[in-house]
Structures are given as structure tokens and as C-alpha cells.
């Protein structure tokens, strides 16, 4: 990918939006909601605390996460379809297990 986050930032690949409703109606791109789920692709080294030490990151690459709707900055990934988000670790609400 060629991106390495700094501080307490993470890079998340957003899941693809649902193109069809549960009733079978196909949604156009403009009507699809952006999912708030994704997979962590890369993590930074952690934020620097006031005493100069680093706070360890709670997330790791490969974690499936839920995040807030306003989280991060979106970027198009030219190599693949979809978007990546660069956000702070604190914007993640929870890790999806299983």
C-alpha cells in the first residue's frame, strides 16, 4: 500500500456499501449509505504521552472495527476499488470479534 500512519492514527479500508435492500431493491450509488465498518490495514506507533513515552496501540492490522460516521479523512485507493480512511484510534467504537 505504501502508507504508514504516524502517532495514534490508523488506516481503515471501509467495507463495500450494500447495493441491494433486504427486500431485493437495487440501490443506485447515490442512495447507498456509507458503511461504518471496516478492516484496519495499518497502525501507527502510538501517541506520545506528556512524559515522552508512547502509549501502545490497542488495535492491530487485520482487526474488523466499527467507527463513528464522521471519523477520519477519506481517500480513494487507486490500486483497488473502494476508499481508505485515515483516522485516530479514538474514533473507533469497537472491535468486531468472530
C-alpha atoms as a PDB file:
ATOM      1  CA  UNK A   1       0.000   0.000   0.000  1.00  0.00           C
ATOM      2  CA  UNK A   2       2.895   2.384   0.716  1.00  0.00           C
ATOM      3  CA  UNK A   3       1.215   4.330   3.547  1.00  0.00           C
ATOM      4  CA  UNK A   4       2.499   4.335   7.121  1.00  0.00           C
ATOM      5  CA  UNK A   5       0.367   6.154   9.709  1.00  0.00           C
ATOM      6  CA  UNK A   6       2.013   8.274  12.395  1.00  0.00           C
ATOM      7  CA  UNK A   7       1.139   8.784  16.060  1.00  0.00           C
ATOM      8  CA  UNK A   8      -2.164   7.224  17.089  1.00  0.00           C
ATOM      9  CA  UNK A   9      -3.571   7.140  13.580  1.00  0.00           C
ATOM     10  CA  UNK A  10      -4.800   4.059  11.767  1.00  0.00           C
ATOM     11  CA  UNK A  11      -5.673   3.265   8.165  1.00  0.00           C
ATOM     12  CA  UNK A  12      -9.012   1.509   7.637  1.00  0.00           C
ATOM     13  CA  UNK A  13     -10.422   0.026   4.439  1.00  0.00           C
ATOM     14  CA  UNK A  14     -14.168   0.679   4.510  1.00  0.00           C
ATOM     15  CA  UNK A  15     -16.482  -2.234   3.677  1.00  0.00           C
ATOM     16  CA  UNK A  16     -18.395  -2.015   0.416  1.00  0.00           C
ATOM     17  CA  UNK A  17     -21.851  -0.464   0.639  1.00  0.00           C
ATOM     18  CA  UNK A  18     -24.878  -2.710   0.263  1.00  0.00           C
ATOM     19  CA  UNK A  19     -26.180  -2.440  -3.295  1.00  0.00           C
ATOM     20  CA  UNK A  20     -29.482  -4.185  -2.534  1.00  0.00           C
ATOM     21  CA  UNK A  21     -32.031  -3.816   0.260  1.00  0.00           C
ATOM     22  CA  UNK A  22     -33.289  -6.779   2.264  1.00  0.00           C
ATOM     23  CA  UNK A  23     -36.443  -6.645   0.091  1.00  0.00           C
ATOM     24  CA  UNK A  24     -34.382  -7.026  -3.091  1.00  0.00           C
ATOM     25  CA  UNK A  25     -34.492  -3.429  -4.337  1.00  0.00           C
ATOM     26  CA  UNK A  26     -31.254  -2.419  -6.061  1.00  0.00           C
ATOM     27  CA  UNK A  27     -29.955   0.923  -4.822  1.00  0.00           C
ATOM     28  CA  UNK A  28     -28.110   3.411  -7.025  1.00  0.00           C
ATOM     29  CA  UNK A  29     -24.709   4.616  -5.783  1.00  0.00           C
ATOM     30  CA  UNK A  30     -26.142   7.956  -4.688  1.00  0.00           C
ATOM     31  CA  UNK A  31     -28.702   6.307  -2.377  1.00  0.00           C
ATOM     32  CA  UNK A  32     -26.296   3.945  -0.627  1.00  0.00           C
ATOM     33  CA  UNK A  33     -25.226   4.767   2.915  1.00  0.00           C
ATOM     34  CA  UNK A  34     -21.526   4.572   3.630  1.00  0.00           C
ATOM     35  CA  UNK A  35     -20.854   1.671   5.977  1.00  0.00           C
ATOM     36  CA  UNK A  36     -19.334   2.350   9.384  1.00  0.00           C
ATOM     37  CA  UNK A  37     -17.451  -0.961   9.324  1.00  0.00           C
ATOM     38  CA  UNK A  38     -14.019  -1.692   8.033  1.00  0.00           C
ATOM     39  CA  UNK A  39     -10.741  -3.540   8.406  1.00  0.00           C
ATOM     40  CA  UNK A  40      -7.631  -1.993   9.913  1.00  0.00           C
ATOM     41  CA  UNK A  41      -4.878  -2.062   7.280  1.00  0.00           C
ATOM     42  CA  UNK A  42      -2.077  -0.328   9.195  1.00  0.00           C
ATOM     43  CA  UNK A  43      -1.495   1.253  12.620  1.00  0.00           C
ATOM     44  CA  UNK A  44       0.875   3.940  13.812  1.00  0.00           C
ATOM     45  CA  UNK A  45       3.330   3.530  16.696  1.00  0.00           C
ATOM     46  CA  UNK A  46       1.006   5.184  19.249  1.00  0.00           C
ATOM     47  CA  UNK A  47       0.644   8.680  20.646  1.00  0.00           C
ATOM     48  CA  UNK A  48       3.402  10.303  22.640  1.00  0.00           C
ATOM     49  CA  UNK A  49       2.396  10.934  26.264  1.00  0.00           C
ATOM     50  CA  UNK A  50       3.483  14.121  28.124  1.00  0.00           C
ATOM     51  CA  UNK A  51       6.329  12.227  29.818  1.00  0.00           C
ATOM     52  CA  UNK A  52       7.800  11.322  26.402  1.00  0.00           C
ATOM     53  CA  UNK A  53       6.833   7.630  26.344  1.00  0.00           C
ATOM     54  CA  UNK A  54       4.476   6.121  23.787  1.00  0.00           C
ATOM     55  CA  UNK A  55       1.023   4.828  24.636  1.00  0.00           C
ATOM     56  CA  UNK A  56       0.663   1.395  22.988  1.00  0.00           C
ATOM     57  CA  UNK A  57      -1.982   0.962  20.300  1.00  0.00           C
ATOM     58  CA  UNK A  58      -4.995  -1.196  21.162  1.00  0.00           C
ATOM     59  CA  UNK A  59      -5.666  -2.070  17.524  1.00  0.00           C
ATOM     60  CA  UNK A  60      -3.636  -4.106  15.064  1.00  0.00           C
ATOM     61  CA  UNK A  61      -3.725  -4.709  11.333  1.00  0.00           C
ATOM     62  CA  UNK A  62      -6.483  -7.156  10.422  1.00  0.00           C
ATOM     63  CA  UNK A  63      -8.941  -6.065  13.151  1.00  0.00           C
ATOM     64  CA  UNK A  64     -12.541  -5.574  11.978  1.00  0.00           C
ATOM     65  CA  UNK A  65     -13.895  -2.385  13.539  1.00  0.00           C
ATOM     66  CA  UNK A  66     -16.954  -0.153  13.862  1.00  0.00           C
ATOM     67  CA  UNK A  67     -16.288   3.571  13.764  1.00  0.00           C
ATOM     68  CA  UNK A  68     -18.201   6.825  14.016  1.00  0.00           C
ATOM     69  CA  UNK A  69     -19.853   8.220  10.890  1.00  0.00           C
ATOM     70  CA  UNK A  70     -17.707  11.374  10.907  1.00  0.00           C
ATOM     71  CA  UNK A  71     -14.450   9.519  11.585  1.00  0.00           C
ATOM     72  CA  UNK A  72     -11.313  10.137   9.588  1.00  0.00           C
ATOM     73  CA  UNK A  73     -10.451  11.534   6.220  1.00  0.00           C
ATOM     74  CA  UNK A  74     -11.405   9.607   3.082  1.00  0.00           C
ATOM     75  CA  UNK A  75      -9.035   8.860   0.233  1.00  0.00           C
ATOM     76  CA  UNK A  76      -9.578   6.915  -2.973  1.00  0.00           C
ATOM     77  CA  UNK A  77      -7.357   3.846  -3.263  1.00  0.00           C
ATOM     78  CA  UNK A  78      -6.155   3.846  -6.858  1.00  0.00           C
ATOM     79  CA  UNK A  79      -4.921   0.266  -6.759  1.00  0.00           C
ATOM     80  CA  UNK A  80      -8.277  -1.156  -5.703  1.00  0.00           C
ATOM     81  CA  UNK A  81     -11.925  -0.239  -5.749  1.00  0.00           C
ATOM     82  CA  UNK A  82     -13.074   1.465  -2.606  1.00  0.00           C
ATOM     83  CA  UNK A  83     -11.911   4.011  -0.121  1.00  0.00           C
ATOM     84  CA  UNK A  84      -9.486   4.101   2.728  1.00  0.00           C
ATOM     85  CA  UNK A  85      -9.880   6.194   5.850  1.00  0.00           C
ATOM     86  CA  UNK A  86      -7.108   7.699   7.926  1.00  0.00           C
ATOM     87  CA  UNK A  87      -8.410   8.244  11.459  1.00  0.00           C
ATOM     88  CA  UNK A  88      -7.359   8.430  15.072  1.00  0.00           C
ATOM     89  CA  UNK A  89      -7.588   5.258  17.125  1.00  0.00           C
ATOM     90  CA  UNK A  90     -10.099   7.058  19.382  1.00  0.00           C
ATOM     91  CA  UNK A  91     -12.618   7.279  16.509  1.00  0.00           C
ATOM     92  CA  UNK A  92     -13.076   3.507  16.650  1.00  0.00           C
ATOM     93  CA  UNK A  93     -16.059   2.430  18.732  1.00  0.00           C
ATOM     94  CA  UNK A  94     -15.340  -1.289  18.997  1.00  0.00           C
ATOM     95  CA  UNK A  95     -13.613  -4.315  17.503  1.00  0.00           C
ATOM     96  CA  UNK A  96     -15.849  -6.947  15.872  1.00  0.00           C
ATOM     97  CA  UNK A  97     -14.874 -10.388  17.127  1.00  0.00           C
ATOM     98  CA  UNK A  98     -15.616 -13.658  15.413  1.00  0.00           C
END
